[in-house]
PDB file of N, CA and C in Angstrom:
ATOM      1  N   MET A   1       0.843  -1.175   0.000  1.00  0.00           N
ATOM      2  CA  MET A   1       0.000   0.000   0.000  1.00  0.00           C
ATOM      3  C   MET A   1       0.894   1.246   0.000  1.00  0.00           C
ATOM      4  N   GLU A   2       0.505   2.214  -0.787  1.00  0.00           N
ATOM      5  CA  GLU A   2       1.239   3.480  -0.852  1.00  0.00           C
ATOM      6  C   GLU A   2       1.088   4.237   0.470  1.00  0.00           C
ATOM      7  N   SER A   3       2.107   4.990   0.821  1.00  0.00           N
ATOM      8  CA  SER A   3       2.089   5.773   2.059  1.00  0.00           C
ATOM      9  C   SER A   3       0.907   6.741   2.099  1.00  0.00           C
ATOM     10  N   LYS A   4       0.624   7.396   0.982  1.00  0.00           N
ATOM     11  CA  LYS A   4      -0.489   8.359   0.954  1.00  0.00           C
ATOM     12  C   LYS A   4      -1.828   7.670   1.191  1.00  0.00           C
ATOM     13  N   ASP A   5      -1.982   6.452   0.685  1.00  0.00           N
ATOM     14  CA  ASP A   5      -3.213   5.700   0.917  1.00  0.00           C
ATOM     15  C   ASP A   5      -3.357   5.343   2.397  1.00  0.00           C
ATOM     16  N   LEU A   6      -2.241   5.009   3.014  1.00  0.00           N
ATOM     17  CA  LEU A   6      -2.249   4.697   4.442  1.00  0.00           C
ATOM     18  C   LEU A   6      -2.576   5.941   5.268  1.00  0.00           C
ATOM     19  N   VAL A   7      -2.022   7.084   4.885  1.00  0.00           N
ATOM     20  CA  VAL A   7      -2.359   8.349   5.557  1.00  0.00           C
ATOM     21  C   VAL A   7      -3.861   8.591   5.471  1.00  0.00           C
ATOM     22  N   LYS A   8      -4.436   8.364   4.299  1.00  0.00           N
ATOM     23  CA  LYS A   8      -5.875   8.576   4.126  1.00  0.00           C
ATOM     24  C   LYS A   8      -6.684   7.703   5.086  1.00  0.00           C
ATOM     25  N   LEU A   9      -6.303   6.448   5.239  1.00  0.00           N
ATOM     26  CA  LEU A   9      -7.008   5.560   6.165  1.00  0.00           C
ATOM     27  C   LEU A   9      -6.885   6.063   7.603  1.00  0.00           C
ATOM     28  N   VAL A  10      -5.683   6.498   7.969  1.00  0.00           N
ATOM     29  CA  VAL A  10      -5.441   6.972   9.335  1.00  0.00           C
ATOM     30  C   VAL A  10      -6.260   8.223   9.621  1.00  0.00           C
ATOM     31  N   VAL A  11      -6.183   9.219   8.745  1.00  0.00           N
ATOM     32  CA  VAL A  11      -6.898  10.473   9.019  1.00  0.00           C
ATOM     33  C   VAL A  11      -8.415  10.293   8.924  1.00  0.00           C
ATOM     34  N   THR A  12      -8.862   9.402   8.075  1.00  0.00           N
ATOM     35  CA  THR A  12     -10.302   9.127   7.985  1.00  0.00           C
ATOM     36  C   THR A  12     -10.812   8.563   9.300  1.00  0.00           C
ATOM     37  N   SER A  13     -10.079   7.602   9.862  1.00  0.00           N
ATOM     38  CA  SER A  13     -10.482   7.017  11.142  1.00  0.00           C
ATOM     39  C   SER A  13     -10.456   8.061  12.255  1.00  0.00           C
ATOM     40  N   LEU A  14      -9.360   8.801  12.357  1.00  0.00           N
ATOM     41  CA  LEU A  14      -9.248   9.804  13.421  1.00  0.00           C
ATOM     42  C   LEU A  14     -10.331  10.869  13.297  1.00  0.00           C
ATOM     43  N   ASN A  15     -10.586  11.320  12.086  1.00  0.00           N
ATOM     44  CA  ASN A  15     -11.607  12.343  11.865  1.00  0.00           C
ATOM     45  C   ASN A  15     -13.002  11.813  12.205  1.00  0.00           C
ATOM     46  N   LYS A  16     -13.281  10.601  11.784  1.00  0.00           N
ATOM     47  CA  LYS A  16     -14.596   9.995  12.020  1.00  0.00           C
ATOM     48  C   LYS A  16     -14.902   9.871  13.519  1.00  0.00           C
ATOM     49  N   HIS A  17     -13.850   9.672  14.297  1.00  0.00           N
ATOM     50  CA  HIS A  17     -14.037   9.474  15.730  1.00  0.00           C
ATOM     51  C   HIS A  17     -13.730  10.734  16.543  1.00  0.00           C
ATOM     52  N   LYS A  18     -13.792  11.879  15.858  1.00  0.00           N
ATOM     53  CA  LYS A  18     -13.754  13.197  16.503  1.00  0.00           C
ATOM     54  C   LYS A  18     -12.408  13.571  17.130  1.00  0.00           C
ATOM     55  N   ALA A  19     -11.304  13.129  16.521  1.00  0.00           N
ATOM     56  CA  ALA A  19      -9.996  13.620  16.961  1.00  0.00           C
ATOM     57  C   ALA A  19      -9.929  15.111  16.651  1.00  0.00           C
ATOM     58  N   GLU A  20      -9.173  15.830  17.447  1.00  0.00           N
ATOM     59  CA  GLU A  20      -9.034  17.265  17.247  1.00  0.00           C
ATOM     60  C   GLU A  20      -7.717  17.584  16.554  1.00  0.00           C
ATOM     61  N   ASP A  21      -7.707  18.664  15.794  1.00  0.00           N
ATOM     62  CA  ASP A  21      -6.507  19.260  15.204  1.00  0.00           C
ATOM     63  C   ASP A  21      -5.598  18.221  14.528  1.00  0.00           C
ATOM     64  N   ILE A  22      -6.129  17.550  13.546  1.00  0.00           N
ATOM     65  CA  ILE A  22      -5.354  16.531  12.816  1.00  0.00           C
ATOM     66  C   ILE A  22      -4.374  17.244  11.886  1.00  0.00           C
ATOM     67  N   GLN A  23      -3.099  16.908  12.046  1.00  0.00           N
ATOM     68  CA  GLN A  23      -2.038  17.473  11.213  1.00  0.00           C
ATOM     69  C   GLN A  23      -1.302  16.348  10.495  1.00  0.00           C
ATOM     70  N   ILE A  24      -0.921  16.593   9.255  1.00  0.00           N
ATOM     71  CA  ILE A  24      -0.173  15.620   8.459  1.00  0.00           C
ATOM     72  C   ILE A  24       1.127  16.284   8.042  1.00  0.00           C
ATOM     73  N   ILE A  25       2.234  15.639   8.396  1.00  0.00           N
ATOM     74  CA  ILE A  25       3.546  16.195   8.081  1.00  0.00           C
ATOM     75  C   ILE A  25       4.322  15.173   7.248  1.00  0.00           C
ATOM     76  N   GLY A  26       4.731  15.580   6.058  1.00  0.00           N
ATOM     77  CA  GLY A  26       5.591  14.749   5.229  1.00  0.00           C
ATOM     78  C   GLY A  26       7.028  14.891   5.719  1.00  0.00           C
ATOM     79  N   ILE A  27       7.632  13.774   6.120  1.00  0.00           N
ATOM     80  CA  ILE A  27       8.984  13.822   6.684  1.00  0.00           C
ATOM     81  C   ILE A  27       9.978  12.981   5.882  1.00  0.00           C
ATOM     82  N   ARG A  28       9.558  12.495   4.747  1.00  0.00           N
ATOM     83  CA  ARG A  28      10.376  11.615   3.916  1.00  0.00           C
ATOM     84  C   ARG A  28      11.745  12.216   3.604  1.00  0.00           C
ATOM     85  N   ASP A  29      11.801  13.519   3.335  1.00  0.00           N
ATOM     86  CA  ASP A  29      13.061  14.167   2.977  1.00  0.00           C
ATOM     87  C   ASP A  29      13.923  14.511   4.183  1.00  0.00           C
ATOM     88  N   LEU A  30      13.396  14.293   5.395  1.00  0.00           N
ATOM     89  CA  LEU A  30      14.116  14.670   6.607  1.00  0.00           C
ATOM     90  C   LEU A  30      14.684  13.490   7.380  1.00  0.00           C
ATOM     91  N   THR A  31      14.093  12.318   7.211  1.00  0.00           N
ATOM     92  CA  THR A  31      14.471  11.162   8.023  1.00  0.00           C
ATOM     93  C   THR A  31      14.101   9.867   7.313  1.00  0.00           C
ATOM     94  N   VAL A  32      14.675   8.777   7.781  1.00  0.00           N
ATOM     95  CA  VAL A  32      14.341   7.469   7.205  1.00  0.00           C
ATOM     96  C   VAL A  32      13.317   6.708   8.057  1.00  0.00           C
ATOM     97  N   ILE A  33      12.886   7.311   9.168  1.00  0.00           N
ATOM     98  CA  ILE A  33      12.001   6.569  10.068  1.00  0.00           C
ATOM     99  C   ILE A  33      10.593   6.383   9.517  1.00  0.00           C
ATOM    100  N   ALA A  34      10.146   7.297   8.664  1.00  0.00           N
ATOM    101  CA  ALA A  34       8.796   7.206   8.093  1.00  0.00           C
ATOM    102  C   ALA A  34       8.667   8.225   6.969  1.00  0.00           C
ATOM    103  N   ASP A  35       7.586   8.103   6.225  1.00  0.00           N
ATOM    104  CA  ASP A  35       7.268   9.099   5.192  1.00  0.00           C
ATOM    105  C   ASP A  35       6.384  10.211   5.742  1.00  0.00           C
ATOM    106  N   TYR A  36       5.493   9.848   6.686  1.00  0.00           N
ATOM    107  CA  TYR A  36       4.529  10.811   7.213  1.00  0.00           C
ATOM    108  C   TYR A  36       4.329  10.615   8.709  1.00  0.00           C
ATOM    109  N   PHE A  37       4.093  11.727   9.387  1.00  0.00           N
ATOM    110  CA  PHE A  37       3.552  11.735  10.736  1.00  0.00           C
ATOM    111  C   PHE A  37       2.118  12.235  10.621  1.00  0.00           C
ATOM    112  N   VAL A  38       1.218  11.582  11.321  1.00  0.00           N
ATOM    113  CA  VAL A  38      -0.130  12.096  11.500  1.00  0.00           C
ATOM    114  C   VAL A  38      -0.250  12.379  12.987  1.00  0.00           C
ATOM    115  N   ILE A  39      -0.586  13.618  13.320  1.00  0.00           N
ATOM    116  CA  ILE A  39      -0.660  14.049  14.710  1.00  0.00           C
ATOM    117  C   ILE A  39      -2.085  14.522  14.982  1.00  0.00           C
ATOM    118  N   ALA A  40      -2.648  14.046  16.093  1.00  0.00           N
ATOM    119  CA  ALA A  40      -4.002  14.448  16.475  1.00  0.00           C
ATOM    120  C   ALA A  40      -4.096  14.404  17.987  1.00  0.00           C
ATOM    121  N   ASN A  41      -5.166  14.951  18.520  1.00  0.00           N
ATOM    122  CA  ASN A  41      -5.342  14.859  19.963  1.00  0.00           C
ATOM    123  C   ASN A  41      -6.784  14.619  20.340  1.00  0.00           C
ATOM    124  N   GLY A  42      -6.914  14.108  21.558  1.00  0.00           N
ATOM    125  CA  GLY A  42      -8.202  13.932  22.197  1.00  0.00           C
ATOM    126  C   GLY A  42      -8.275  14.843  23.398  1.00  0.00           C
ATOM    127  N   THR A  43      -9.459  14.977  23.954  1.00  0.00           N
ATOM    128  CA  THR A  43      -9.650  15.909  25.065  1.00  0.00           C
ATOM    129  C   THR A  43      -9.543  15.239  26.431  1.00  0.00           C
ATOM    130  N   SER A  44      -9.389  13.923  26.445  1.00  0.00           N
ATOM    131  CA  SER A  44      -9.219  13.187  27.701  1.00  0.00           C
ATOM    132  C   SER A  44      -8.399  11.941  27.400  1.00  0.00           C
ATOM    133  N   THR A  45      -7.841  11.335  28.437  1.00  0.00           N
ATOM    134  CA  THR A  45      -7.086  10.098  28.222  1.00  0.00           C
ATOM    135  C   THR A  45      -8.003   8.984  27.735  1.00  0.00           C
ATOM    136  N   THR A  46      -9.256   9.023  28.154  1.00  0.00           N
ATOM    137  CA  THR A  46     -10.227   8.032  27.670  1.00  0.00           C
ATOM    138  C   THR A  46     -10.419   8.175  26.167  1.00  0.00           C
ATOM    139  N   GLN A  47     -10.549   9.411  25.683  1.00  0.00           N
ATOM    140  CA  GLN A  47     -10.717   9.618  24.246  1.00  0.00           C
ATOM    141  C   GLN A  47      -9.440   9.253  23.491  1.00  0.00           C
ATOM    142  N   VAL A  48      -8.286   9.553  24.058  1.00  0.00           N
ATOM    143  CA  VAL A  48      -7.017   9.201  23.405  1.00  0.00           C
ATOM    144  C   VAL A  48      -6.951   7.688  23.193  1.00  0.00           C
ATOM    145  N   LYS A  49      -7.271   6.920  24.230  1.00  0.00           N
ATOM    146  CA  LYS A  49      -7.272   5.455  24.102  1.00  0.00           C
ATOM    147  C   LYS A  49      -8.304   4.998  23.077  1.00  0.00           C
ATOM    148  N   ALA A  50      -9.486   5.600  23.100  1.00  0.00           N
ATOM    149  CA  ALA A  50     -10.541   5.216  22.157  1.00  0.00           C
ATOM    150  C   ALA A  50     -10.105   5.507  20.723  1.00  0.00           C
ATOM    151  N   LEU A  51      -9.490   6.660  20.481  1.00  0.00           N
ATOM    152  CA  LEU A  51      -9.010   6.988  19.131  1.00  0.00           C
ATOM    153  C   LEU A  51      -7.992   5.964  18.658  1.00  0.00           C
ATOM    154  N   ALA A  52      -7.061   5.609  19.524  1.00  0.00           N
ATOM    155  CA  ALA A  52      -6.043   4.613  19.169  1.00  0.00           C
ATOM    156  C   ALA A  52      -6.688   3.250  18.929  1.00  0.00           C
ATOM    157  N   ASP A  53      -7.651   2.886  19.774  1.00  0.00           N
ATOM    158  CA  ASP A  53      -8.349   1.605  19.607  1.00  0.00           C
ATOM    159  C   ASP A  53      -9.089   1.539  18.280  1.00  0.00           C
ATOM    160  N   TYR A  54      -9.842   2.589  17.962  1.00  0.00           N
ATOM    161  CA  TYR A  54     -10.580   2.619  16.702  1.00  0.00           C
ATOM    162  C   TYR A  54      -9.623   2.555  15.509  1.00  0.00           C
ATOM    163  N   LEU A  55      -8.546   3.313  15.578  1.00  0.00           N
ATOM    164  CA  LEU A  55      -7.573   3.325  14.484  1.00  0.00           C
ATOM    165  C   LEU A  55      -6.987   1.934  14.278  1.00  0.00           C
ATOM    166  N   GLU A  56      -6.544   1.322  15.352  1.00  0.00           N
ATOM    167  CA  GLU A  56      -5.958  -0.016  15.238  1.00  0.00           C
ATOM    168  C   GLU A  56      -6.975  -1.026  14.711  1.00  0.00           C
ATOM    169  N   LYS A  57      -8.199  -0.977  15.221  1.00  0.00           N
ATOM    170  CA  LYS A  57      -9.250  -1.922  14.801  1.00  0.00           C
ATOM    171  C   LYS A  57      -9.599  -1.740  13.326  1.00  0.00           C
ATOM    172  N   GLU A  58      -9.814  -0.488  12.909  1.00  0.00           N
ATOM    173  CA  GLU A  58     -10.249  -0.245  11.534  1.00  0.00           C
ATOM    174  C   GLU A  58      -9.163  -0.599  10.518  1.00  0.00           C
ATOM    175  N   LEU A  59      -7.911  -0.342  10.847  1.00  0.00           N
ATOM    176  CA  LEU A  59      -6.843  -0.716   9.929  1.00  0.00           C
ATOM    177  C   LEU A  59      -6.611  -2.226   9.940  1.00  0.00           C
ATOM    178  N   SER A  60      -6.726  -2.856  11.111  1.00  0.00           N
ATOM    179  CA  SER A  60      -6.529  -4.309  11.165  1.00  0.00           C
ATOM    180  C   SER A  60      -7.603  -5.042  10.379  1.00  0.00           C
ATOM    181  N   GLU A  61      -8.818  -4.471  10.302  1.00  0.00           N
ATOM    182  CA  GLU A  61      -9.879  -5.070   9.493  1.00  0.00           C
ATOM    183  C   GLU A  61      -9.515  -5.073   8.015  1.00  0.00           C
ATOM    184  N   GLN A  62      -8.562  -4.223   7.629  1.00  0.00           N
ATOM    185  CA  GLN A  62      -8.087  -4.185   6.246  1.00  0.00           C
ATOM    186  C   GLN A  62      -6.732  -4.877   6.100  1.00  0.00           C
ATOM    187  N   GLY A  63      -6.350  -5.627   7.141  1.00  0.00           N
ATOM    188  CA  GLY A  63      -5.106  -6.385   7.095  1.00  0.00           C
ATOM    189  C   GLY A  63      -3.861  -5.571   7.393  1.00  0.00           C
ATOM    190  N   ILE A  64      -4.025  -4.400   8.001  1.00  0.00           N
ATOM    191  CA  ILE A  64      -2.893  -3.524   8.301  1.00  0.00           C
ATOM    192  C   ILE A  64      -2.707  -3.480   9.810  1.00  0.00           C
ATOM    193  N   THR A  65      -1.607  -4.014  10.278  1.00  0.00           N
ATOM    194  CA  THR A  65      -1.346  -4.019  11.710  1.00  0.00           C
ATOM    195  C   THR A  65      -0.123  -3.158  12.014  1.00  0.00           C
ATOM    196  N   PRO A  66      -0.136  -2.507  13.169  1.00  0.00           N
ATOM    197  CA  PRO A  66       1.018  -1.668  13.504  1.00  0.00           C
ATOM    198  C   PRO A  66       2.246  -2.512  13.806  1.00  0.00           C
ATOM    199  N   LEU A  67       3.411  -1.976  13.475  1.00  0.00           N
ATOM    200  CA  LEU A  67       4.657  -2.638  13.815  1.00  0.00           C
ATOM    201  C   LEU A  67       4.862  -2.600  15.325  1.00  0.00           C
ATOM    202  N   ARG A  68       4.437  -1.500  15.941  1.00  0.00           N
ATOM    203  CA  ARG A  68       4.481  -1.387  17.397  1.00  0.00           C
ATOM    204  C   ARG A  68       3.536  -0.274  17.838  1.00  0.00           C
ATOM    205  N   ILE A  69       3.166  -0.372  19.110  1.00  0.00           N
ATOM    206  CA  ILE A  69       2.343   0.651  19.756  1.00  0.00           C
ATOM    207  C   ILE A  69       3.059   1.034  21.043  1.00  0.00           C
ATOM    208  N   GLU A  70       3.208   2.327  21.259  1.00  0.00           N
ATOM    209  CA  GLU A  70       3.879   2.830  22.459  1.00  0.00           C
ATOM    210  C   GLU A  70       2.932   3.756  23.211  1.00  0.00           C
ATOM    211  N   GLY A  71       3.042   3.767  24.535  1.00  0.00           N
ATOM    212  CA  GLY A  71       2.343   4.740  25.356  1.00  0.00           C
ATOM    213  C   GLY A  71       0.901   4.446  25.680  1.00  0.00           C
ATOM    214  N   TYR A  72       0.433   3.246  25.372  1.00  0.00           N
ATOM    215  CA  TYR A  72      -0.986   2.958  25.564  1.00  0.00           C
ATOM    216  C   TYR A  72      -1.383   3.010  27.037  1.00  0.00           C
ATOM    217  N   SER A  73      -0.524   2.533  27.918  1.00  0.00           N
ATOM    218  CA  SER A  73      -0.905   2.452  29.336  1.00  0.00           C
ATOM    219  C   SER A  73      -1.131   3.824  29.970  1.00  0.00           C
ATOM    220  N   SER A  74      -0.359   4.834  29.561  1.00  0.00           N
ATOM    221  CA  SER A  74      -0.542   6.165  30.154  1.00  0.00           C
ATOM    222  C   SER A  74      -1.601   6.982  29.414  1.00  0.00           C
ATOM    223  N   ALA A  75      -1.767   6.716  28.129  1.00  0.00           N
ATOM    224  CA  ALA A  75      -2.766   7.392  27.278  1.00  0.00           C
ATOM    225  C   ALA A  75      -2.574   8.899  27.196  1.00  0.00           C
ATOM    226  N   ASN A  76      -1.366   9.367  27.436  1.00  0.00           N
ATOM    227  CA  ASN A  76      -1.061  10.780  27.219  1.00  0.00           C
ATOM    228  C   ASN A  76      -0.527  11.000  25.809  1.00  0.00           C
ATOM    229  N   TRP A  77       0.165   9.986  25.293  1.00  0.00           N
ATOM    230  CA  TRP A  77       0.735  10.048  23.948  1.00  0.00           C
ATOM    231  C   TRP A  77       0.845   8.613  23.459  1.00  0.00           C
ATOM    232  N   ILE A  78      -0.044   8.238  22.573  1.00  0.00           N
ATOM    233  CA  ILE A  78      -0.017   6.891  22.012  1.00  0.00           C
ATOM    234  C   ILE A  78       0.526   6.984  20.595  1.00  0.00           C
ATOM    235  N   LEU A  79       1.559   6.212  20.338  1.00  0.00           N
ATOM    236  CA  LEU A  79       2.195   6.174  19.028  1.00  0.00           C
ATOM    237  C   LEU A  79       1.858   4.841  18.380  1.00  0.00           C
ATOM    238  N   LEU A  80       1.313   4.883  17.175  1.00  0.00           N
ATOM    239  CA  LEU A  80       1.037   3.677  16.402  1.00  0.00           C
ATOM    240  C   LEU A  80       1.919   3.737  15.161  1.00  0.00           C
ATOM    241  N   ASP A  81       2.869   2.832  15.085  1.00  0.00           N
ATOM    242  CA  ASP A  81       3.857   2.821  14.011  1.00  0.00           C
ATOM    243  C   ASP A  81       3.420   1.855  12.921  1.00  0.00           C
ATOM    244  N   TYR A  82       3.064   2.417  11.769  1.00  0.00           N
ATOM    245  CA  TYR A  82       2.661   1.609  10.623  1.00  0.00           C
ATOM    246  C   TYR A  82       3.752   1.584   9.554  1.00  0.00           C
ATOM    247  N   GLY A  83       4.993   1.783   9.955  1.00  0.00           N
ATOM    248  CA  GLY A  83       6.103   1.756   9.008  1.00  0.00           C
ATOM    249  C   GLY A  83       6.280   3.089   8.324  1.00  0.00           C
ATOM    250  N   SER A  84       5.648   3.261   7.198  1.00  0.00           N
ATOM    251  CA  SER A  84       5.804   4.513   6.449  1.00  0.00           C
ATOM    252  C   SER A  84       4.971   5.654   7.026  1.00  0.00           C
ATOM    253  N   VAL A  85       4.027   5.322   7.904  1.00  0.00           N
ATOM    254  CA  VAL A  85       3.176   6.330   8.544  1.00  0.00           C
ATOM    255  C   VAL A  85       3.169   6.064  10.050  1.00  0.00           C
ATOM    256  N   ILE A  86       3.462   7.107  10.805  1.00  0.00           N
ATOM    257  CA  ILE A  86       3.417   6.999  12.261  1.00  0.00           C
ATOM    258  C   ILE A  86       2.329   7.939  12.760  1.00  0.00           C
ATOM    259  N   ALA A  87       1.369   7.361  13.481  1.00  0.00           N
ATOM    260  CA  ALA A  87       0.271   8.146  14.043  1.00  0.00           C
ATOM    261  C   ALA A  87       0.582   8.461  15.504  1.00  0.00           C
ATOM    262  N   HIS A  88       0.478   9.734  15.847  1.00  0.00           N
ATOM    263  CA  HIS A  88       0.672  10.202  17.216  1.00  0.00           C
ATOM    264  C   HIS A  88      -0.677  10.703  17.712  1.00  0.00           C
ATOM    265  N   VAL A  89      -1.220  10.042  18.733  1.00  0.00           N
ATOM    266  CA  VAL A  89      -2.496  10.463  19.301  1.00  0.00           C
ATOM    267  C   VAL A  89      -2.200  10.969  20.717  1.00  0.00           C
ATOM    268  N   PHE A  90      -2.398  12.249  20.904  1.00  0.00           N
ATOM    269  CA  PHE A  90      -2.028  12.919  22.145  1.00  0.00           C
ATOM    270  C   PHE A  90      -3.232  13.307  22.990  1.00  0.00           C
ATOM    271  N   TYR A  91      -2.990  13.398  24.292  1.00  0.00           N
ATOM    272  CA  TYR A  91      -3.843  14.168  25.180  1.00  0.00           C
ATOM    273  C   TYR A  91      -3.469  15.621  24.903  1.00  0.00           C
ATOM    274  N   LYS A  92      -4.450  16.506  24.852  1.00  0.00           N
ATOM    275  CA  LYS A  92      -4.225  17.870  24.371  1.00  0.00           C
ATOM    276  C   LYS A  92      -3.058  18.579  25.071  1.00  0.00           C
ATOM    277  N   GLU A  93      -2.995  18.539  26.387  1.00  0.00           N
ATOM    278  CA  GLU A  93      -1.934  19.232  27.113  1.00  0.00           C
ATOM    279  C   GLU A  93      -0.563  18.611  26.838  1.00  0.00           C
ATOM    280  N   THR A  94      -0.518  17.306  26.662  1.00  0.00           N
ATOM    281  CA  THR A  94       0.743  16.632  26.349  1.00  0.00           C
ATOM    282  C   THR A  94       1.219  17.040  24.966  1.00  0.00           C
ATOM    283  N   ARG A  95       0.301  17.166  24.034  1.00  0.00           N
ATOM    284  CA  ARG A  95       0.669  17.613  22.685  1.00  0.00           C
ATOM    285  C   ARG A  95       1.264  19.017  22.721  1.00  0.00           C
ATOM    286  N   GLU A  96       0.643  19.891  23.482  1.00  0.00           N
ATOM    287  CA  GLU A  96       1.163  21.255  23.592  1.00  0.00           C
ATOM    288  C   GLU A  96       2.559  21.261  24.201  1.00  0.00           C
ATOM    289  N   PHE A  97       2.803  20.394  25.181  1.00  0.00           N
ATOM    290  CA  PHE A  97       4.101  20.340  25.839  1.00  0.00           C
ATOM    291  C   PHE A  97       5.206  19.871  24.889  1.00  0.00           C
ATOM    292  N   TYR A  98       4.960  18.769  24.158  1.00  0.00           N
ATOM    293  CA  TYR A  98       5.992  18.208  23.275  1.00  0.00           C
ATOM    294  C   TYR A  98       6.102  18.949  21.941  1.00  0.00           C
ATOM    295  N   ASN A  99       5.013  19.503  21.472  1.00  0.00           N
ATOM    296  CA  ASN A  99       5.001  20.336  20.273  1.00  0.00           C
ATOM    297  C   ASN A  99       5.790  19.728  19.100  1.00  0.00           C
ATOM    298  N   LEU A 100       5.385  18.553  18.687  1.00  0.00           N
ATOM    299  CA  LEU A 100       6.067  17.890  17.563  1.00  0.00           C
ATOM    300  C   LEU A 100       6.053  18.723  16.290  1.00  0.00           C
ATOM    301  N   GLU A 101       5.007  19.505  16.116  1.00  0.00           N
ATOM    302  CA  GLU A 101       4.933  20.348  14.922  1.00  0.00           C
ATOM    303  C   GLU A 101       6.119  21.309  14.858  1.00  0.00           C
ATOM    304  N   ARG A 102       6.539  21.824  15.998  1.00  0.00           N
ATOM    305  CA  ARG A 102       7.698  22.716  16.022  1.00  0.00           C
ATOM    306  C   ARG A 102       8.974  21.932  15.731  1.00  0.00           C
ATOM    307  N   LEU A 103       9.095  20.743  16.316  1.00  0.00           N
ATOM    308  CA  LEU A 103      10.292  19.921  16.106  1.00  0.00           C
ATOM    309  C   LEU A 103      10.454  19.500  14.649  1.00  0.00           C
ATOM    310  N   TRP A 104       9.342  19.300  13.956  1.00  0.00           N
ATOM    311  CA  TRP A 104       9.365  18.855  12.568  1.00  0.00           C
ATOM    312  C   TRP A 104       8.927  19.972  11.621  1.00  0.00           C
ATOM    313  N   LYS A 105       9.211  21.204  11.983  1.00  0.00           N
ATOM    314  CA  LYS A 105       8.759  22.367  11.209  1.00  0.00           C
ATOM    315  C   LYS A 105       9.311  22.394   9.789  1.00  0.00           C
ATOM    316  N   ASP A 106      10.402  21.688   9.543  1.00  0.00           N
ATOM    317  CA  ASP A 106      10.961  21.640   8.196  1.00  0.00           C
ATOM    318  C   ASP A 106      10.270  20.604   7.309  1.00  0.00           C
ATOM    319  N   GLY A 107       9.338  19.875   7.877  1.00  0.00           N
ATOM    320  CA  GLY A 107       8.583  18.901   7.098  1.00  0.00           C
ATOM    321  C   GLY A 107       7.578  19.579   6.186  1.00  0.00           C
ATOM    322  N   GLN A 108       6.986  18.784   5.330  1.00  0.00           N
ATOM    323  CA  GLN A 108       5.979  19.285   4.399  1.00  0.00           C
ATOM    324  C   GLN A 108       4.601  19.144   5.048  1.00  0.00           C
ATOM    325  N   TYR A 109       3.981  20.268   5.362  1.00  0.00           N
ATOM    326  CA  TYR A 109       2.658  20.248   5.981  1.00  0.00           C
ATOM    327  C   TYR A 109       1.599  20.092   4.904  1.00  0.00           C
ATOM    328  N   LEU A 110       0.790  19.063   5.048  1.00  0.00           N
ATOM    329  CA  LEU A 110      -0.230  18.749   4.057  1.00  0.00           C
ATOM    330  C   LEU A 110      -1.608  19.075   4.612  1.00  0.00           C
ATOM    331  N   GLN A 111      -2.506  19.395   3.732  1.00  0.00           N
ATOM    332  CA  GLN A 111      -3.874  19.736   4.118  1.00  0.00           C
ATOM    333  C   GLN A 111      -4.696  18.463   4.342  1.00  0.00           C
ATOM    334  N   LEU A 112      -5.494  18.484   5.379  1.00  0.00           N
ATOM    335  CA  LEU A 112      -6.385  17.374   5.657  1.00  0.00           C
ATOM    336  C   LEU A 112      -7.326  17.133   4.473  1.00  0.00           C
ATOM    337  N   THR A 113      -7.710  18.212   3.816  1.00  0.00           N
ATOM    338  CA  THR A 113      -8.624  18.096   2.677  1.00  0.00           C
ATOM    339  C   THR A 113      -7.981  17.440   1.458  1.00  0.00           C
ATOM    340  N   ASP A 114      -6.654  17.240   1.477  1.00  0.00           N
ATOM    341  CA  ASP A 114      -5.997  16.472   0.418  1.00  0.00           C
ATOM    342  C   ASP A 114      -6.283  14.980   0.556  1.00  0.00           C
ATOM    343  N   PHE A 115      -6.775  14.584   1.736  1.00  0.00           N
ATOM    344  CA  PHE A 115      -6.971  13.169   2.028  1.00  0.00           C
ATOM    345  C   PHE A 115      -8.415  12.782   2.293  1.00  0.00           C
ATOM    346  N   ILE A 116      -9.210  13.732   2.775  1.00  0.00           N
ATOM    347  CA  ILE A 116     -10.620  13.436   3.011  1.00  0.00           C
ATOM    348  C   ILE A 116     -11.484  14.578   2.509  1.00  0.00           C
ATOM    349  N   ASP A 117     -12.720  14.279   2.232  1.00  0.00           N
ATOM    350  CA  ASP A 117     -13.682  15.242   1.706  1.00  0.00           C
ATOM    351  C   ASP A 117     -13.898  16.361   2.723  1.00  0.00           C
ATOM    352  N   PRO A 118     -13.797  17.625   2.281  1.00  0.00           N
ATOM    353  CA  PRO A 118     -13.981  18.751   3.205  1.00  0.00           C
ATOM    354  C   PRO A 118     -15.314  18.738   3.952  1.00  0.00           C
ATOM    355  N   GLU A 119     -16.320  18.132   3.367  1.00  0.00           N
ATOM    356  CA  GLU A 119     -17.627  18.064   4.029  1.00  0.00           C
ATOM    357  C   GLU A 119     -17.616  17.111   5.223  1.00  0.00           C
ATOM    358  N   GLU A 120     -16.617  16.229   5.282  1.00  0.00           N
ATOM    359  CA  GLU A 120     -16.525  15.281   6.388  1.00  0.00           C
ATOM    360  C   GLU A 120     -15.801  15.865   7.589  1.00  0.00           C
ATOM    361  N   ILE A 121     -15.188  17.006   7.407  1.00  0.00           N
ATOM    362  CA  ILE A 121     -14.390  17.606   8.486  1.00  0.00           C
ATOM    363  C   ILE A 121     -15.283  18.387   9.427  1.00  0.00           C
TER     364      ILE A 121
END
């Protein structure tokens, strides 16, 4: 599966389940760890876990399983590594503290509407 297709699946799931402030950063030219980061947040640790659960379930139904999952027990920052796409699901305050967008500011910021219908947002 192409990286962009995987990004579309990730952002569709996160958007459908009411994740906040979904950001897509192309990092292919900056690092070898992945092609894209998808960053989103929930408003509580319960929602963060639910977003990660839905994402993992919906992708696994299509035969896509994460290489690893980190941070599930604390639910402040759950990382789901799908190889070419890494999804970061944050608790809002934790996201503000780590500010990955600032750390990866040299990446290519992509519009959510490039991946999902604007009417679904």
